[in-house]
Amino acid sequence: MVRFKNRYALCEVIVPGQENGSINFTKSKLYRAIKQSIISNHGDYGIGALDQSLRVIYINTGTRIVLIRAERKYFHMVTSAIIFIRKIGLHDVIFKTLHVGGSIRQCFKFLIKYHQKSFPSMYQSCQTEDDKIKVLESIIDACDASTSVKALMDKIS
C-alpha cells in the first residue's frame, strides 16, 4: 500500500488596519481564495496536481491561525500561491507562514510554543475585558485542538 505524503503549512492571516479582533471568514472562503491563487499563478497544471490533496484543515478565527494541507511533491505551489492572496471576501489580508511541517502533530506543537511566546503581547494589547477573555478562549481552543490531534485526523480521513 502506498502512503500519501503531505505537508502542512501553519499560517497567520494578518488583516491590515485591524490589529486586534477576529477574522470573519470560513474554511470554504479560504479554500476558494487559495485555489484561485493557484489557478492564477500555476494554471491548470497546478490545480490539477493539487486538486485532490489541497485542504484547509484548521482555522482559528480568534488567533487568526490557519493550517493548510497539500501533497508534498507539489507543496511549493501552495506556499508560492498563498503569498499572492490579497483579499478574502471583503477583507484585505496578508499571509505569514509560521511553520511548515510533515505532520499535524508537529504543527500543533509549534503552535503551542508560538502562543506561549506571543501571549504576553496579545494579552497586553487587549483594550477591554471581553477582548482578554476572547484571546484566552482562542488560545485554550488551539491548545485543546492540539491534544485531540488523533480525533482531528480521524475526522479528515
N, C-alpha and C. Protein backbone atom coordinates (compact mmCIF):
# COMPACT_ATOMS: atom_id res chain seq x y z
N MET A 1 0.83 -1.17 0.00
CA MET A 1 0.00 0.00 0.00
C MET A 1 0.88 1.24 0.00
N VAL A 2 0.53 2.21 -0.76
CA VAL A 2 1.31 3.44 -0.89
C VAL A 2 0.80 4.47 0.12
N ARG A 3 1.75 5.08 0.77
CA ARG A 3 1.40 6.11 1.75
C ARG A 3 1.43 7.48 1.08
N PHE A 4 0.41 8.27 1.31
CA PHE A 4 0.37 9.62 0.77
C PHE A 4 1.15 10.54 1.70
N LYS A 5 2.12 11.22 1.14
CA LYS A 5 2.95 12.12 1.94
C LYS A 5 2.45 13.53 1.74
N ASN A 6 2.15 14.17 2.83
CA ASN A 6 1.60 15.52 2.81
C ASN A 6 2.52 16.48 3.55
N ARG A 7 2.35 17.73 3.29
CA ARG A 7 2.99 18.80 4.05
C ARG A 7 1.88 19.71 4.56
N TYR A 8 2.17 20.33 5.68
CA TYR A 8 1.20 21.20 6.33
C TYR A 8 1.83 22.57 6.54
N ALA A 9 1.11 23.61 6.17
CA ALA A 9 1.58 24.98 6.37
C ALA A 9 0.73 25.62 7.46
N LEU A 10 1.40 26.11 8.48
CA LEU A 10 0.74 26.82 9.56
C LEU A 10 0.96 28.31 9.29
N CYS A 11 -0.13 29.02 9.04
CA CYS A 11 -0.04 30.43 8.62
C CYS A 11 -0.84 31.31 9.56
N GLU A 12 -0.38 32.55 9.65
CA GLU A 12 -1.14 33.57 10.36
C GLU A 12 -1.72 34.51 9.30
N VAL A 13 -2.99 34.80 9.43
CA VAL A 13 -3.65 35.71 8.50
C VAL A 13 -3.66 37.09 9.13
N ILE A 14 -2.97 38.02 8.49
CA ILE A 14 -2.87 39.39 9.01
C ILE A 14 -3.83 40.26 8.22
N VAL A 15 -4.68 40.99 8.93
CA VAL A 15 -5.60 41.92 8.31
C VAL A 15 -5.09 43.32 8.61
N PRO A 16 -4.54 44.03 7.59
CA PRO A 16 -4.01 45.37 7.83
C PRO A 16 -5.10 46.32 8.34
N GLY A 17 -4.74 47.10 9.33
CA GLY A 17 -5.68 48.06 9.89
C GLY A 17 -6.55 47.49 10.99
N GLN A 18 -6.51 46.19 11.19
CA GLN A 18 -7.30 45.54 12.23
C GLN A 18 -6.33 44.70 13.07
N GLU A 19 -5.68 45.35 14.02
CA GLU A 19 -4.64 44.69 14.80
C GLU A 19 -5.22 43.63 15.74
N ASN A 20 -6.28 43.96 16.42
CA ASN A 20 -6.92 43.03 17.35
C ASN A 20 -8.25 42.57 16.78
N GLY A 21 -8.80 41.56 17.38
CA GLY A 21 -10.09 41.07 16.94
C GLY A 21 -9.94 39.85 16.06
N SER A 22 -11.08 39.31 15.70
CA SER A 22 -11.06 38.07 14.96
C SER A 22 -11.30 38.32 13.48
N ILE A 23 -10.94 37.32 12.69
CA ILE A 23 -11.21 37.37 11.26
C ILE A 23 -12.60 36.82 11.02
N ASN A 24 -13.20 37.21 9.93
CA ASN A 24 -14.58 36.85 9.69
C ASN A 24 -14.72 36.13 8.35
N PHE A 25 -14.11 34.94 8.22
CA PHE A 25 -14.35 34.12 7.06
C PHE A 25 -14.20 32.65 7.43
N THR A 26 -14.70 31.81 6.56
CA THR A 26 -14.79 30.38 6.84
C THR A 26 -13.72 29.60 6.08
N LYS A 27 -13.68 28.30 6.36
CA LYS A 27 -12.75 27.42 5.65
C LYS A 27 -13.01 27.42 4.15
N SER A 28 -14.28 27.45 3.77
CA SER A 28 -14.60 27.39 2.34
C SER A 28 -14.15 28.65 1.61
N LYS A 29 -14.31 29.82 2.23
CA LYS A 29 -13.83 31.06 1.60
C LYS A 29 -12.30 31.04 1.47
N LEU A 30 -11.63 30.57 2.50
CA LEU A 30 -10.18 30.49 2.47
C LEU A 30 -9.72 29.49 1.40
N TYR A 31 -10.39 28.35 1.34
CA TYR A 31 -10.06 27.33 0.34
C TYR A 31 -10.22 27.89 -1.08
N ARG A 32 -11.33 28.59 -1.31
CA ARG A 32 -11.56 29.17 -2.65
C ARG A 32 -10.50 30.21 -3.00
N ALA A 33 -10.06 31.00 -2.02
CA ALA A 33 -9.03 32.00 -2.29
C ALA A 33 -7.69 31.34 -2.63
N ILE A 34 -7.35 30.27 -1.91
CA ILE A 34 -6.11 29.55 -2.19
C ILE A 34 -6.18 28.90 -3.56
N LYS A 35 -7.31 28.27 -3.85
CA LYS A 35 -7.49 27.60 -5.14
C LYS A 35 -7.41 28.61 -6.30
N GLN A 36 -8.04 29.76 -6.14
CA GLN A 36 -8.00 30.78 -7.17
C GLN A 36 -6.57 31.30 -7.38
N SER A 37 -5.82 31.45 -6.30
CA SER A 37 -4.44 31.90 -6.41
C SER A 37 -3.57 30.86 -7.11
N ILE A 38 -3.82 29.59 -6.84
CA ILE A 38 -3.07 28.53 -7.52
C ILE A 38 -3.39 28.54 -9.01
N ILE A 39 -4.65 28.72 -9.35
CA ILE A 39 -5.05 28.77 -10.76
C ILE A 39 -4.38 29.96 -11.46
N SER A 40 -4.39 31.12 -10.83
CA SER A 40 -3.83 32.30 -11.49
C SER A 40 -2.30 32.26 -11.57
N ASN A 41 -1.64 31.58 -10.63
CA ASN A 41 -0.18 31.55 -10.63
C ASN A 41 0.42 30.31 -11.29
N HIS A 42 -0.26 29.18 -11.22
CA HIS A 42 0.29 27.93 -11.74
C HIS A 42 -0.58 27.29 -12.81
N GLY A 43 -1.72 27.86 -13.10
CA GLY A 43 -2.56 27.40 -14.19
C GLY A 43 -3.23 26.06 -13.94
N ASP A 44 -3.61 25.43 -15.04
CA ASP A 44 -4.30 24.14 -14.98
C ASP A 44 -3.42 23.04 -14.39
N TYR A 45 -2.13 23.11 -14.67
CA TYR A 45 -1.23 22.10 -14.12
C TYR A 45 -1.22 22.15 -12.59
N GLY A 46 -1.14 23.35 -12.03
CA GLY A 46 -1.11 23.50 -10.58
C GLY A 46 -2.37 23.01 -9.91
N ILE A 47 -3.52 23.39 -10.44
CA ILE A 47 -4.77 22.98 -9.80
C ILE A 47 -5.03 21.49 -10.03
N GLY A 48 -4.59 20.97 -11.17
CA GLY A 48 -4.73 19.55 -11.44
C GLY A 48 -3.89 18.71 -10.49
N ALA A 49 -2.69 19.20 -10.19
CA ALA A 49 -1.79 18.47 -9.29
C ALA A 49 -2.26 18.54 -7.84
N LEU A 50 -2.88 19.64 -7.46
CA LEU A 50 -3.25 19.85 -6.05
C LEU A 50 -4.72 19.67 -5.73
N ASP A 51 -5.54 19.42 -6.73
CA ASP A 51 -6.98 19.38 -6.52
C ASP A 51 -7.40 18.33 -5.48
N GLN A 52 -6.78 17.16 -5.51
CA GLN A 52 -7.17 16.09 -4.60
C GLN A 52 -6.63 16.28 -3.18
N SER A 53 -5.45 16.88 -3.05
CA SER A 53 -4.82 16.92 -1.74
C SER A 53 -4.97 18.25 -1.00
N LEU A 54 -5.33 19.31 -1.69
CA LEU A 54 -5.44 20.62 -1.04
C LEU A 54 -6.63 20.65 -0.10
N ARG A 55 -6.37 21.07 1.14
CA ARG A 55 -7.44 21.14 2.13
C ARG A 55 -7.06 22.12 3.24
N VAL A 56 -8.03 22.89 3.69
CA VAL A 56 -7.85 23.73 4.86
C VAL A 56 -8.29 22.88 6.05
N ILE A 57 -7.33 22.51 6.87
CA ILE A 57 -7.58 21.59 7.97
C ILE A 57 -8.16 22.30 9.19
N TYR A 58 -7.59 23.44 9.52
CA TYR A 58 -7.91 24.09 10.79
C TYR A 58 -7.89 25.60 10.59
N ILE A 59 -8.85 26.27 11.18
CA ILE A 59 -8.86 27.73 11.18
C ILE A 59 -9.34 28.20 12.55
N ASN A 60 -8.59 29.10 13.15
CA ASN A 60 -8.97 29.69 14.42
C ASN A 60 -9.17 31.18 14.17
N THR A 61 -10.40 31.61 14.18
CA THR A 61 -10.70 33.00 13.84
C THR A 61 -10.25 33.97 14.92
N GLY A 62 -10.12 33.50 16.14
CA GLY A 62 -9.69 34.39 17.22
C GLY A 62 -8.20 34.71 17.17
N THR A 63 -7.37 33.71 16.92
CA THR A 63 -5.92 33.92 16.85
C THR A 63 -5.43 34.09 15.43
N ARG A 64 -6.32 33.95 14.44
CA ARG A 64 -6.02 34.12 13.02
C ARG A 64 -5.01 33.10 12.50
N ILE A 65 -5.09 31.90 12.99
CA ILE A 65 -4.16 30.84 12.59
C ILE A 65 -4.90 29.88 11.66
N VAL A 66 -4.19 29.45 10.60
CA VAL A 66 -4.76 28.57 9.59
C VAL A 66 -3.77 27.43 9.33
N LEU A 67 -4.29 26.21 9.17
CA LEU A 67 -3.47 25.05 8.82
C LEU A 67 -3.94 24.52 7.48
N ILE A 68 -3.01 24.46 6.51
CA ILE A 68 -3.32 24.05 5.15
C ILE A 68 -2.53 22.78 4.83
N ARG A 69 -3.20 21.80 4.21
CA ARG A 69 -2.55 20.55 3.83
C ARG A 69 -2.48 20.43 2.31
N ALA A 70 -1.37 19.88 1.82
CA ALA A 70 -1.22 19.60 0.40
C ALA A 70 -0.20 18.48 0.22
N GLU A 71 -0.21 17.88 -0.95
CA GLU A 71 0.73 16.81 -1.26
C GLU A 71 2.16 17.36 -1.26
N ARG A 72 3.07 16.57 -0.69
CA ARG A 72 4.45 17.02 -0.52
C ARG A 72 5.13 17.38 -1.85
N LYS A 73 4.86 16.60 -2.88
CA LYS A 73 5.51 16.80 -4.18
C LYS A 73 5.19 18.18 -4.77
N TYR A 74 3.99 18.69 -4.53
CA TYR A 74 3.56 19.95 -5.13
C TYR A 74 3.35 21.05 -4.09
N PHE A 75 3.86 20.86 -2.90
CA PHE A 75 3.61 21.80 -1.81
C PHE A 75 4.19 23.19 -2.11
N HIS A 76 5.27 23.24 -2.88
CA HIS A 76 5.88 24.53 -3.20
C HIS A 76 4.90 25.43 -3.98
N MET A 77 3.97 24.81 -4.71
CA MET A 77 2.97 25.60 -5.42
C MET A 77 2.02 26.29 -4.44
N VAL A 78 1.68 25.60 -3.37
CA VAL A 78 0.79 26.18 -2.36
C VAL A 78 1.48 27.34 -1.65
N THR A 79 2.72 27.12 -1.23
CA THR A 79 3.42 28.18 -0.50
C THR A 79 3.67 29.40 -1.38
N SER A 80 3.92 29.17 -2.66
CA SER A 80 4.12 30.32 -3.54
C SER A 80 2.79 31.01 -3.87
N ALA A 81 1.70 30.26 -3.88
CA ALA A 81 0.40 30.85 -4.22
C ALA A 81 -0.19 31.66 -3.06
N ILE A 82 0.02 31.21 -1.82
CA ILE A 82 -0.59 31.95 -0.70
C ILE A 82 0.05 33.32 -0.50
N ILE A 83 1.25 33.49 -1.00
CA ILE A 83 1.90 34.80 -0.92
C ILE A 83 1.11 35.84 -1.69
N PHE A 84 0.48 35.43 -2.80
CA PHE A 84 -0.20 36.36 -3.67
C PHE A 84 -1.66 36.60 -3.31
N ILE A 85 -2.17 35.96 -2.28
CA ILE A 85 -3.55 36.20 -1.85
C ILE A 85 -3.60 37.54 -1.12
N ARG A 86 -4.41 38.44 -1.63
CA ARG A 86 -4.53 39.77 -1.03
C ARG A 86 -5.93 40.07 -0.53
N LYS A 87 -6.91 39.30 -0.94
CA LYS A 87 -8.30 39.52 -0.49
C LYS A 87 -8.97 38.18 -0.25
N ILE A 88 -9.72 38.12 0.84
CA ILE A 88 -10.62 37.01 1.11
C ILE A 88 -11.95 37.64 1.46
N GLY A 89 -12.89 37.47 0.57
CA GLY A 89 -14.17 38.15 0.74
C GLY A 89 -13.97 39.65 0.61
N LEU A 90 -14.35 40.40 1.63
CA LEU A 90 -14.18 41.84 1.63
C LEU A 90 -12.92 42.30 2.35
N HIS A 91 -12.20 41.36 2.96
CA HIS A 91 -11.05 41.70 3.79
C HIS A 91 -9.75 41.68 2.98
N ASP A 92 -8.94 42.72 3.17
CA ASP A 92 -7.58 42.69 2.66
C ASP A 92 -6.75 41.86 3.64
N VAL A 93 -5.96 40.92 3.14
CA VAL A 93 -5.21 40.03 4.01
C VAL A 93 -3.77 39.89 3.53
N ILE A 94 -2.93 39.48 4.47
CA ILE A 94 -1.54 39.11 4.19
C ILE A 94 -1.30 37.81 4.93
N PHE A 95 -0.71 36.82 4.25
CA PHE A 95 -0.40 35.55 4.88
C PHE A 95 1.04 35.56 5.36
N LYS A 96 1.23 35.12 6.59
CA LYS A 96 2.56 34.97 7.16
C LYS A 96 2.73 33.50 7.52
N THR A 97 3.62 32.81 6.82
CA THR A 97 3.84 31.39 7.08
C THR A 97 4.70 31.26 8.33
N LEU A 98 4.14 30.59 9.33
CA LEU A 98 4.83 30.42 10.60
C LEU A 98 5.67 29.15 10.63
N HIS A 99 5.13 28.08 10.04
CA HIS A 99 5.80 26.78 10.14
C HIS A 99 5.33 25.89 9.00
N VAL A 100 6.23 25.08 8.49
CA VAL A 100 5.89 24.05 7.52
C VAL A 100 6.35 22.73 8.11
N GLY A 101 5.43 21.78 8.22
CA GLY A 101 5.76 20.51 8.84
C GLY A 101 5.21 19.33 8.07
N GLY A 102 5.68 18.16 8.47
CA GLY A 102 5.27 16.93 7.82
C GLY A 102 4.08 16.26 8.48
N SER A 103 3.66 16.75 9.65
CA SER A 103 2.50 16.16 10.32
C SER A 103 1.71 17.24 11.05
N ILE A 104 0.46 16.92 11.29
CA ILE A 104 -0.40 17.84 12.03
C ILE A 104 0.12 18.01 13.45
N ARG A 105 0.59 16.91 14.02
CA ARG A 105 1.09 16.95 15.40
C ARG A 105 2.25 17.92 15.56
N GLN A 106 3.20 17.89 14.64
CA GLN A 106 4.34 18.81 14.72
C GLN A 106 3.90 20.26 14.55
N CYS A 107 2.94 20.49 13.70
CA CYS A 107 2.44 21.86 13.52
C CYS A 107 1.76 22.36 14.78
N PHE A 108 1.00 21.51 15.44
CA PHE A 108 0.34 21.94 16.67
C PHE A 108 1.33 22.10 17.82
N LYS A 109 2.40 21.30 17.84
CA LYS A 109 3.45 21.51 18.84
C LYS A 109 4.09 22.88 18.66
N PHE A 110 4.37 23.22 17.40
CA PHE A 110 4.92 24.54 17.12
C PHE A 110 3.92 25.63 17.51
N LEU A 111 2.65 25.40 17.24
CA LEU A 111 1.62 26.39 17.55
C LEU A 111 1.55 26.68 19.05
N ILE A 112 1.70 25.66 19.87
CA ILE A 112 1.69 25.88 21.33
C ILE A 112 2.87 26.73 21.74
N LYS A 113 4.06 26.44 21.20
CA LYS A 113 5.24 27.26 21.51
C LYS A 113 5.07 28.69 21.02
N TYR A 114 4.48 28.83 19.84
CA TYR A 114 4.24 30.16 19.28
C TYR A 114 3.29 30.96 20.16
N HIS A 115 2.23 30.32 20.64
CA HIS A 115 1.27 31.01 21.52
C HIS A 115 1.92 31.37 22.85
N GLN A 116 2.79 30.51 23.36
CA GLN A 116 3.47 30.82 24.61
C GLN A 116 4.35 32.06 24.47
N LYS A 117 4.99 32.21 23.30
CA LYS A 117 5.85 33.38 23.08
C LYS A 117 5.03 34.65 22.82
N SER A 118 3.92 34.51 22.11
CA SER A 118 3.17 35.70 21.72
C SER A 118 2.05 36.07 22.69
N PHE A 119 1.79 35.23 23.67
CA PHE A 119 0.68 35.51 24.59
C PHE A 119 0.82 36.82 25.35
N PRO A 120 1.97 37.14 25.94
CA PRO A 120 2.04 38.40 26.70
C PRO A 120 1.72 39.63 25.85
N SER A 121 2.22 39.69 24.63
CA SER A 121 1.94 40.87 23.81
C SER A 121 0.48 40.91 23.36
N MET A 122 -0.10 39.74 23.06
CA MET A 122 -1.51 39.70 22.65
C MET A 122 -2.40 40.13 23.81
N TYR A 123 -2.09 39.64 25.00
CA TYR A 123 -2.92 39.92 26.17
C TYR A 123 -2.83 41.39 26.58
N GLN A 124 -1.64 41.97 26.51
CA GLN A 124 -1.46 43.36 26.91
C GLN A 124 -2.07 44.33 25.92
N SER A 125 -2.19 43.91 24.66
CA SER A 125 -2.75 44.83 23.65
C SER A 125 -4.28 44.85 23.67
N CYS A 126 -4.89 44.00 24.47
CA CYS A 126 -6.36 43.99 24.57
C CYS A 126 -6.84 45.23 25.33
N GLN A 127 -7.90 45.83 24.80
CA GLN A 127 -8.43 47.06 25.39
C GLN A 127 -9.44 46.77 26.49
N THR A 128 -10.34 45.83 26.23
CA THR A 128 -11.43 45.56 27.18
C THR A 128 -11.27 44.18 27.79
N GLU A 129 -12.05 43.95 28.80
CA GLU A 129 -12.04 42.64 29.47
C GLU A 129 -12.57 41.55 28.55
N ASP A 130 -13.54 41.89 27.70
CA ASP A 130 -14.08 40.92 26.74
C ASP A 130 -13.02 40.47 25.74
N ASP A 131 -12.19 41.41 25.28
CA ASP A 131 -11.11 41.06 24.36
C ASP A 131 -10.12 40.10 25.02
N LYS A 132 -9.82 40.35 26.28
CA LYS A 132 -8.89 39.48 27.01
C LYS A 132 -9.46 38.07 27.14
N ILE A 133 -10.75 37.98 27.41
CA ILE A 133 -11.40 36.68 27.52
C ILE A 133 -11.39 35.95 26.18
N LYS A 134 -11.64 36.68 25.09
CA LYS A 134 -11.63 36.07 23.76
C LYS A 134 -10.25 35.54 23.40
N VAL A 135 -9.20 36.29 23.75
CA VAL A 135 -7.83 35.83 23.47
C VAL A 135 -7.54 34.56 24.26
N LEU A 136 -7.91 34.55 25.52
CA LEU A 136 -7.68 33.35 26.34
C LEU A 136 -8.45 32.15 25.79
N GLU A 137 -9.70 32.35 25.42
CA GLU A 137 -10.50 31.25 24.89
C GLU A 137 -9.94 30.73 23.57
N SER A 138 -9.46 31.62 22.72
CA SER A 138 -8.90 31.20 21.44
C SER A 138 -7.63 30.38 21.64
N ILE A 139 -6.78 30.80 22.56
CA ILE A 139 -5.55 30.06 22.82
C ILE A 139 -5.86 28.72 23.46
N ILE A 140 -6.80 28.69 24.39
CA ILE A 140 -7.20 27.42 25.01
C ILE A 140 -7.79 26.49 23.96
N ASP A 141 -8.58 27.06 23.04
CA ASP A 141 -9.16 26.27 21.95
C ASP A 141 -8.06 25.67 21.07
N ALA A 142 -7.04 26.47 20.76
CA ALA A 142 -5.93 25.98 19.94
C ALA A 142 -5.16 24.89 20.67
N CYS A 143 -4.94 25.05 21.96
CA CYS A 143 -4.23 24.03 22.72
C CYS A 143 -5.05 22.76 22.88
N ASP A 144 -6.36 22.91 23.06
CA ASP A 144 -7.23 21.73 23.13
C ASP A 144 -7.23 20.99 21.81
N ALA A 145 -7.17 21.73 20.72
CA ALA A 145 -7.14 21.10 19.41
C ALA A 145 -5.88 20.29 19.24
N SER A 146 -4.76 20.74 19.81
CA SER A 146 -3.52 20.00 19.65
C SER A 146 -3.52 18.72 20.46
N THR A 147 -4.26 18.68 21.56
CA THR A 147 -4.31 17.46 22.34
C THR A 147 -5.24 16.43 21.70
N SER A 148 -6.11 16.88 20.84
CA SER A 148 -7.03 15.95 20.18
C SER A 148 -6.68 15.80 18.70
N VAL A 149 -5.38 15.71 18.41
CA VAL A 149 -4.94 15.55 17.03
C VAL A 149 -5.44 14.25 16.46
N LYS A 150 -5.47 13.19 17.26
CA LYS A 150 -5.96 11.91 16.77
C LYS A 150 -7.41 12.01 16.34
N ALA A 151 -8.22 12.72 17.11
CA ALA A 151 -9.63 12.89 16.73
C ALA A 151 -9.74 13.71 15.44
N LEU A 152 -8.90 14.72 15.30
CA LEU A 152 -8.90 15.53 14.09
C LEU A 152 -8.48 14.70 12.87
N MET A 153 -7.48 13.87 13.04
CA MET A 153 -7.01 13.03 11.94
C MET A 153 -8.08 12.02 11.55
N ASP A 154 -8.81 11.50 12.53
CA ASP A 154 -9.92 10.58 12.21
C ASP A 154 -11.02 11.29 11.46
N LYS A 155 -11.25 12.56 11.80
CA LYS A 155 -12.30 13.33 11.16
C LYS A 155 -12.00 13.62 9.70
N ILE A 156 -10.73 13.91 9.37
CA ILE A 156 -10.39 14.27 8.00
C ILE A 156 -10.12 13.07 7.12
N SER A 157 -9.94 11.92 7.69
CA SER A 157 -9.67 10.72 6.87
C SER A 157 -10.90 10.13 6.27
